[in-house]
N, C-alpha and C. Protein backbone atom coordinates (compact mmCIF):
# COMPACT_ATOMS: atom_id res chain seq x y z
N MET A 1 12.22 46.34 39.09
CA MET A 1 13.29 45.94 38.22
C MET A 1 12.81 44.97 37.15
N LYS A 2 11.92 44.04 37.56
CA LYS A 2 11.38 43.08 36.60
C LYS A 2 10.55 43.79 35.53
N ASN A 3 9.81 44.78 35.97
CA ASN A 3 8.98 45.52 35.02
C ASN A 3 9.83 46.26 33.99
N ILE A 4 10.94 46.80 34.42
CA ILE A 4 11.82 47.55 33.51
C ILE A 4 12.42 46.60 32.47
N ILE A 5 12.86 45.42 32.91
CA ILE A 5 13.43 44.44 31.97
C ILE A 5 12.36 43.97 30.99
N LEU A 6 11.16 43.77 31.46
CA LEU A 6 10.06 43.34 30.59
C LEU A 6 9.74 44.41 29.55
N ILE A 7 9.69 45.65 29.96
CA ILE A 7 9.38 46.76 29.04
C ILE A 7 10.48 46.91 28.00
N VAL A 8 11.73 46.84 28.42
CA VAL A 8 12.86 46.97 27.49
C VAL A 8 12.86 45.82 26.48
N SER A 9 12.58 44.60 26.93
CA SER A 9 12.57 43.46 26.01
C SER A 9 11.42 43.56 25.01
N LEU A 10 10.26 44.05 25.44
CA LEU A 10 9.14 44.25 24.53
C LEU A 10 9.44 45.32 23.49
N LEU A 11 10.10 46.40 23.90
CA LEU A 11 10.45 47.46 22.95
C LEU A 11 11.47 46.98 21.92
N THR A 12 12.46 46.22 22.35
CA THR A 12 13.46 45.72 21.39
C THR A 12 12.84 44.70 20.44
N ALA A 13 11.92 43.90 20.95
CA ALA A 13 11.25 42.93 20.08
C ALA A 13 10.39 43.63 19.05
N SER A 14 9.75 44.72 19.44
CA SER A 14 8.91 45.46 18.48
C SER A 14 9.76 46.16 17.43
N LEU A 15 10.97 46.59 17.78
CA LEU A 15 11.85 47.22 16.79
C LEU A 15 12.31 46.21 15.73
N TYR A 16 12.63 44.99 16.15
CA TYR A 16 13.08 43.96 15.20
C TYR A 16 11.91 43.36 14.41
N ALA A 17 10.70 43.51 14.89
CA ALA A 17 9.53 42.95 14.22
C ALA A 17 9.05 43.83 13.08
N ASP A 18 9.61 45.00 12.92
CA ASP A 18 9.18 45.92 11.88
C ASP A 18 9.73 45.46 10.53
N LEU A 19 8.86 44.92 9.69
CA LEU A 19 9.24 44.48 8.34
C LEU A 19 8.53 45.36 7.33
N ASN A 20 9.25 45.72 6.29
CA ASN A 20 8.58 46.47 5.24
C ASN A 20 8.20 45.52 4.10
N ILE A 21 7.50 46.02 3.13
CA ILE A 21 6.96 45.21 2.04
C ILE A 21 8.09 44.59 1.21
N ASN A 22 9.17 45.32 0.98
CA ASN A 22 10.28 44.79 0.19
C ASN A 22 10.91 43.57 0.87
N GLN A 23 11.06 43.61 2.18
CA GLN A 23 11.63 42.47 2.89
C GLN A 23 10.73 41.24 2.79
N ILE A 24 9.43 41.46 2.89
CA ILE A 24 8.48 40.35 2.79
C ILE A 24 8.51 39.75 1.39
N GLU A 25 8.55 40.60 0.34
CA GLU A 25 8.59 40.10 -1.03
C GLU A 25 9.88 39.32 -1.30
N ASN A 26 11.00 39.76 -0.75
CA ASN A 26 12.26 39.02 -0.90
C ASN A 26 12.18 37.64 -0.24
N MET A 27 11.55 37.57 0.92
CA MET A 27 11.39 36.28 1.59
C MET A 27 10.52 35.34 0.76
N ILE A 28 9.46 35.88 0.17
CA ILE A 28 8.57 35.06 -0.66
C ILE A 28 9.30 34.55 -1.90
N LEU A 29 10.12 35.39 -2.53
CA LEU A 29 10.89 34.96 -3.70
C LEU A 29 11.87 33.85 -3.35
N LYS A 30 12.48 33.91 -2.19
CA LYS A 30 13.39 32.85 -1.77
C LYS A 30 12.65 31.53 -1.57
N ILE A 31 11.46 31.61 -1.04
CA ILE A 31 10.68 30.39 -0.79
C ILE A 31 10.19 29.78 -2.10
N HIS A 32 9.79 30.61 -3.06
CA HIS A 32 9.16 30.12 -4.28
C HIS A 32 10.14 29.75 -5.39
N LYS A 33 11.41 29.69 -5.13
CA LYS A 33 12.34 29.27 -6.17
C LYS A 33 12.07 27.81 -6.51
N LYS A 34 11.91 27.55 -7.81
CA LYS A 34 11.59 26.20 -8.25
C LYS A 34 12.83 25.33 -8.15
N ARG A 35 12.65 24.17 -7.53
CA ARG A 35 13.76 23.24 -7.40
C ARG A 35 13.84 22.36 -8.64
N VAL A 36 15.05 22.06 -9.03
CA VAL A 36 15.27 21.22 -10.19
C VAL A 36 15.16 19.77 -9.76
N GLY A 37 14.37 18.99 -10.49
CA GLY A 37 14.20 17.58 -10.17
C GLY A 37 14.64 16.72 -11.34
N TYR A 38 14.41 15.43 -11.23
CA TYR A 38 14.78 14.50 -12.28
C TYR A 38 13.61 14.31 -13.24
N ASP A 39 13.94 14.01 -14.48
CA ASP A 39 12.95 13.75 -15.50
C ASP A 39 12.35 12.36 -15.26
N LEU A 40 11.03 12.22 -15.41
CA LEU A 40 10.38 10.94 -15.16
C LEU A 40 10.84 9.87 -16.14
N ASN A 41 11.14 10.24 -17.39
CA ASN A 41 11.62 9.25 -18.36
C ASN A 41 12.95 8.67 -17.91
N MET A 42 13.80 9.51 -17.36
CA MET A 42 15.09 9.03 -16.88
C MET A 42 14.91 8.09 -15.68
N LEU A 43 13.96 8.41 -14.80
CA LEU A 43 13.72 7.56 -13.64
C LEU A 43 13.17 6.20 -14.04
N GLU A 44 12.32 6.16 -15.07
CA GLU A 44 11.76 4.88 -15.51
C GLU A 44 12.81 3.98 -16.14
N SER A 45 13.84 4.58 -16.73
CA SER A 45 14.86 3.77 -17.40
C SER A 45 15.94 3.27 -16.45
N THR A 46 15.93 3.71 -15.20
CA THR A 46 16.95 3.25 -14.26
C THR A 46 16.64 1.84 -13.78
N LYS A 47 17.68 1.13 -13.36
CA LYS A 47 17.52 -0.23 -12.86
C LYS A 47 16.99 -0.19 -11.43
N ASN A 48 16.35 -1.27 -11.03
CA ASN A 48 15.80 -1.38 -9.69
C ASN A 48 16.95 -1.45 -8.68
N PRO A 49 17.04 -0.52 -7.73
CA PRO A 49 18.15 -0.56 -6.77
C PRO A 49 17.96 -1.61 -5.69
N PHE A 50 16.77 -2.17 -5.57
CA PHE A 50 16.48 -3.14 -4.53
C PHE A 50 16.61 -4.54 -5.10
N VAL A 51 17.77 -5.13 -4.99
CA VAL A 51 18.01 -6.48 -5.46
C VAL A 51 18.48 -7.33 -4.29
N VAL A 52 18.29 -8.62 -4.42
CA VAL A 52 18.71 -9.55 -3.39
C VAL A 52 20.14 -9.99 -3.69
N LEU A 53 21.00 -9.91 -2.71
CA LEU A 53 22.39 -10.32 -2.88
C LEU A 53 22.61 -11.67 -2.22
N GLU A 54 23.27 -12.56 -2.96
CA GLU A 54 23.66 -13.84 -2.39
C GLU A 54 25.18 -13.94 -2.48
N GLU A 55 25.78 -14.33 -1.39
CA GLU A 55 27.23 -14.45 -1.39
C GLU A 55 27.62 -15.92 -1.28
N GLU A 56 28.38 -16.39 -2.27
CA GLU A 56 28.89 -17.76 -2.26
C GLU A 56 30.38 -17.70 -2.53
N ASN A 57 31.17 -18.21 -1.62
CA ASN A 57 32.62 -18.27 -1.78
C ASN A 57 33.21 -16.90 -2.13
N ASN A 58 32.80 -15.88 -1.40
CA ASN A 58 33.28 -14.51 -1.58
C ASN A 58 32.95 -13.93 -2.96
N VAL A 59 31.96 -14.48 -3.65
CA VAL A 59 31.51 -13.95 -4.93
C VAL A 59 30.08 -13.46 -4.73
N THR A 60 29.82 -12.22 -5.04
CA THR A 60 28.49 -11.64 -4.88
C THR A 60 27.69 -11.84 -6.15
N THR A 61 26.51 -12.40 -6.02
CA THR A 61 25.64 -12.66 -7.16
C THR A 61 24.38 -11.85 -6.99
N PHE A 62 23.96 -11.17 -8.07
CA PHE A 62 22.72 -10.41 -8.05
C PHE A 62 21.58 -11.33 -8.48
N VAL A 63 20.54 -11.39 -7.67
CA VAL A 63 19.38 -12.20 -7.98
C VAL A 63 18.20 -11.26 -8.16
N VAL A 64 17.64 -11.23 -9.36
CA VAL A 64 16.49 -10.38 -9.65
C VAL A 64 15.27 -11.27 -9.67
N LYS A 65 14.31 -10.96 -8.81
CA LYS A 65 13.09 -11.76 -8.73
C LYS A 65 12.16 -11.40 -9.88
N GLU A 66 11.55 -12.42 -10.45
CA GLU A 66 10.59 -12.20 -11.53
C GLU A 66 9.24 -11.84 -10.93
N VAL A 67 8.50 -11.03 -11.66
CA VAL A 67 7.17 -10.62 -11.21
C VAL A 67 6.20 -11.76 -11.48
N GLU A 68 5.51 -12.20 -10.43
CA GLU A 68 4.54 -13.27 -10.59
C GLU A 68 3.18 -12.69 -10.92
N ASP A 69 2.48 -13.33 -11.85
CA ASP A 69 1.14 -12.89 -12.20
C ASP A 69 0.19 -13.26 -11.07
N ASP A 70 -0.64 -12.32 -10.68
CA ASP A 70 -1.61 -12.56 -9.63
C ASP A 70 -2.79 -13.32 -10.23
N VAL A 71 -3.14 -14.44 -9.62
CA VAL A 71 -4.21 -15.27 -10.17
C VAL A 71 -5.56 -14.69 -9.77
N LYS A 72 -6.54 -14.90 -10.63
CA LYS A 72 -7.89 -14.39 -10.39
C LYS A 72 -8.73 -15.50 -9.77
N ILE A 73 -9.04 -15.35 -8.50
CA ILE A 73 -9.87 -16.30 -7.79
C ILE A 73 -11.05 -15.53 -7.22
N SER A 74 -12.26 -16.02 -7.49
CA SER A 74 -13.44 -15.30 -6.99
C SER A 74 -14.37 -16.26 -6.27
N LEU A 75 -14.89 -15.78 -5.16
CA LEU A 75 -15.82 -16.54 -4.33
C LEU A 75 -17.23 -16.10 -4.69
N HIS A 76 -18.08 -17.08 -5.07
CA HIS A 76 -19.44 -16.74 -5.49
C HIS A 76 -20.49 -17.07 -4.43
N ALA A 77 -20.29 -18.19 -3.68
CA ALA A 77 -21.30 -18.58 -2.70
C ALA A 77 -20.68 -19.51 -1.66
N ILE A 78 -21.35 -19.58 -0.49
CA ILE A 78 -20.99 -20.53 0.56
C ILE A 78 -22.28 -21.19 1.03
N VAL A 79 -22.32 -22.55 0.92
CA VAL A 79 -23.50 -23.31 1.33
C VAL A 79 -23.03 -24.58 2.02
N ALA A 80 -23.52 -24.85 3.22
CA ALA A 80 -23.27 -26.09 3.95
C ALA A 80 -21.78 -26.43 4.01
N LYS A 81 -20.96 -25.49 4.43
CA LYS A 81 -19.51 -25.66 4.59
C LYS A 81 -18.81 -26.03 3.28
N LYS A 82 -19.39 -25.62 2.16
CA LYS A 82 -18.74 -25.76 0.86
C LYS A 82 -18.76 -24.39 0.19
N ALA A 83 -17.71 -24.11 -0.56
CA ALA A 83 -17.58 -22.80 -1.20
C ALA A 83 -17.61 -22.97 -2.71
N TYR A 84 -18.32 -22.07 -3.38
CA TYR A 84 -18.38 -22.07 -4.85
C TYR A 84 -17.35 -21.06 -5.34
N ILE A 85 -16.17 -21.59 -5.74
CA ILE A 85 -15.05 -20.75 -6.14
C ILE A 85 -14.69 -21.08 -7.58
N ASN A 86 -14.62 -20.06 -8.43
CA ASN A 86 -14.24 -20.21 -9.84
C ASN A 86 -15.01 -21.33 -10.53
N ASP A 87 -16.32 -21.28 -10.48
CA ASP A 87 -17.21 -22.21 -11.18
C ASP A 87 -17.07 -23.66 -10.71
N GLY A 88 -16.86 -23.87 -9.42
CA GLY A 88 -16.81 -25.22 -8.88
C GLY A 88 -16.96 -25.22 -7.38
N TRP A 89 -17.62 -26.27 -6.85
CA TRP A 89 -17.81 -26.39 -5.41
C TRP A 89 -16.56 -26.97 -4.79
N LYS A 90 -16.04 -26.34 -3.75
CA LYS A 90 -14.81 -26.75 -3.10
C LYS A 90 -15.05 -26.98 -1.61
N ASP A 91 -14.32 -27.96 -1.05
CA ASP A 91 -14.38 -28.27 0.37
C ASP A 91 -13.02 -27.95 0.99
N VAL A 92 -12.91 -28.02 2.30
CA VAL A 92 -11.65 -27.74 2.98
C VAL A 92 -10.58 -28.72 2.48
N ASN A 93 -9.35 -28.21 2.29
CA ASN A 93 -8.18 -28.94 1.79
C ASN A 93 -8.24 -29.24 0.29
N ASP A 94 -9.19 -28.68 -0.44
CA ASP A 94 -9.18 -28.78 -1.90
C ASP A 94 -8.20 -27.75 -2.45
N THR A 95 -7.69 -27.99 -3.66
CA THR A 95 -6.71 -27.10 -4.28
C THR A 95 -7.38 -26.29 -5.38
N ILE A 96 -7.10 -24.98 -5.38
CA ILE A 96 -7.63 -24.05 -6.38
C ILE A 96 -6.46 -23.23 -6.90
N MET A 97 -6.04 -23.47 -8.14
CA MET A 97 -4.98 -22.70 -8.80
C MET A 97 -3.73 -22.57 -7.93
N GLY A 98 -3.32 -23.66 -7.32
CA GLY A 98 -2.11 -23.66 -6.50
C GLY A 98 -2.34 -23.30 -5.04
N TYR A 99 -3.52 -22.84 -4.69
CA TYR A 99 -3.85 -22.49 -3.32
C TYR A 99 -4.68 -23.61 -2.69
N THR A 100 -4.48 -23.85 -1.40
CA THR A 100 -5.24 -24.85 -0.67
C THR A 100 -6.28 -24.15 0.19
N LEU A 101 -7.51 -24.62 0.11
CA LEU A 101 -8.61 -24.05 0.89
C LEU A 101 -8.46 -24.52 2.33
N LYS A 102 -8.20 -23.59 3.25
CA LYS A 102 -7.93 -23.93 4.64
C LYS A 102 -9.12 -23.73 5.57
N TYR A 103 -9.99 -22.76 5.27
CA TYR A 103 -11.08 -22.45 6.20
C TYR A 103 -12.26 -21.92 5.41
N ILE A 104 -13.46 -22.34 5.79
CA ILE A 104 -14.69 -21.82 5.19
C ILE A 104 -15.54 -21.26 6.32
N GLY A 105 -15.83 -19.97 6.26
CA GLY A 105 -16.66 -19.32 7.27
C GLY A 105 -18.02 -18.96 6.70
N LYS A 106 -18.76 -18.13 7.44
CA LYS A 106 -20.10 -17.73 6.98
C LYS A 106 -20.04 -16.74 5.82
N ARG A 107 -19.07 -15.81 5.85
CA ARG A 107 -19.00 -14.77 4.82
C ARG A 107 -17.71 -14.80 4.01
N GLY A 108 -16.81 -15.78 4.27
CA GLY A 108 -15.56 -15.79 3.53
C GLY A 108 -14.77 -17.07 3.71
N VAL A 109 -13.68 -17.19 2.93
CA VAL A 109 -12.81 -18.35 2.97
C VAL A 109 -11.36 -17.89 3.07
N VAL A 110 -10.47 -18.83 3.49
CA VAL A 110 -9.04 -18.55 3.57
C VAL A 110 -8.31 -19.55 2.69
N LEU A 111 -7.47 -19.04 1.78
CA LEU A 111 -6.66 -19.87 0.89
C LEU A 111 -5.20 -19.67 1.25
N ARG A 112 -4.39 -20.75 1.10
CA ARG A 112 -2.97 -20.63 1.44
C ARG A 112 -2.13 -21.35 0.41
N ASN A 113 -1.04 -20.69 0.01
CA ASN A 113 -0.05 -21.27 -0.90
C ASN A 113 1.31 -20.95 -0.31
N ARG A 114 1.93 -21.90 0.36
CA ARG A 114 3.20 -21.72 1.06
C ARG A 114 3.09 -20.53 2.01
N ASN A 115 3.74 -19.40 1.69
CA ASN A 115 3.71 -18.23 2.58
C ASN A 115 2.63 -17.23 2.21
N HIS A 116 1.95 -17.44 1.09
CA HIS A 116 0.92 -16.49 0.64
C HIS A 116 -0.44 -16.92 1.17
N ILE A 117 -1.14 -15.98 1.77
CA ILE A 117 -2.48 -16.23 2.29
C ILE A 117 -3.44 -15.26 1.61
N LYS A 118 -4.54 -15.80 1.08
CA LYS A 118 -5.58 -14.96 0.48
C LYS A 118 -6.87 -15.18 1.26
N LYS A 119 -7.56 -14.07 1.52
CA LYS A 119 -8.86 -14.13 2.17
C LYS A 119 -9.88 -13.63 1.17
N LEU A 120 -10.86 -14.46 0.87
CA LEU A 120 -11.93 -14.09 -0.06
C LEU A 120 -13.22 -13.92 0.73
N PHE A 121 -13.96 -12.88 0.40
CA PHE A 121 -15.22 -12.61 1.08
C PHE A 121 -16.34 -12.49 0.05
N LEU A 122 -17.54 -12.79 0.49
CA LEU A 122 -18.71 -12.61 -0.37
C LEU A 122 -18.98 -11.12 -0.52
N SER A 123 -19.32 -10.73 -1.72
CA SER A 123 -19.60 -9.32 -1.99
C SER A 123 -21.02 -8.99 -1.56
N ASP A 124 -21.20 -7.83 -0.97
CA ASP A 124 -22.54 -7.39 -0.57
C ASP A 124 -23.32 -6.85 -1.76
N LYS A 125 -22.61 -6.47 -2.82
CA LYS A 125 -23.27 -5.82 -3.95
C LYS A 125 -23.98 -6.83 -4.85
N ARG A 126 -23.42 -8.03 -4.97
CA ARG A 126 -24.01 -9.02 -5.87
C ARG A 126 -24.98 -9.90 -5.12
N ASP A 127 -25.82 -10.62 -5.87
CA ASP A 127 -26.74 -11.59 -5.28
C ASP A 127 -25.98 -12.91 -5.14
N ASN A 128 -25.53 -13.24 -3.93
CA ASN A 128 -24.70 -14.42 -3.71
C ASN A 128 -25.49 -15.63 -3.23
N PHE A 129 -26.78 -15.50 -3.11
CA PHE A 129 -27.57 -16.61 -2.58
C PHE A 129 -28.09 -17.46 -3.73
N ILE A 130 -27.97 -18.78 -3.56
CA ILE A 130 -28.41 -19.72 -4.58
C ILE A 130 -29.82 -20.16 -4.22
N THR A 131 -30.73 -20.04 -5.16
CA THR A 131 -32.11 -20.43 -4.92
C THR A 131 -32.44 -21.65 -5.78
N VAL A 132 -33.20 -22.56 -5.21
CA VAL A 132 -33.63 -23.74 -5.95
C VAL A 132 -35.05 -23.46 -6.42
N GLU A 133 -35.21 -23.48 -7.75
CA GLU A 133 -36.53 -23.20 -8.31
C GLU A 133 -37.36 -24.47 -8.33
N GLY A 134 -38.65 -24.33 -8.48
CA GLY A 134 -39.64 -25.41 -8.38
C GLY A 134 -39.19 -26.77 -8.90
N ARG A 135 -39.67 -27.81 -8.22
CA ARG A 135 -39.30 -29.18 -8.60
C ARG A 135 -40.44 -29.87 -9.25
């Protein structure tokens, strides 16, 4: 009985699996219909939907944050627990462009400005070692 049910189910599956070329081409045409999207110029002109809302006395105020310029800080060398950052030797707790130097390691330093933390590392590509020439 099991064999008969298995044979009948295989035969019915093979009958429904018979697709001709026209059916396949129709399926491909349905898949390849180009979807209409938005124009990029229109998207650039829209306002930012992600704004911070502040509620005071049942009045909603929109607060738009200004974009802060990222400062350029570069680490050139580390010698005897001092770091050469932006053309000057700095020690722990010195201030560099609003950031405080918190840690000096062998290959990098950690700077902190309130909630912002920057980690600077010595580049392997450049010559970062300072040599003292003849005296």
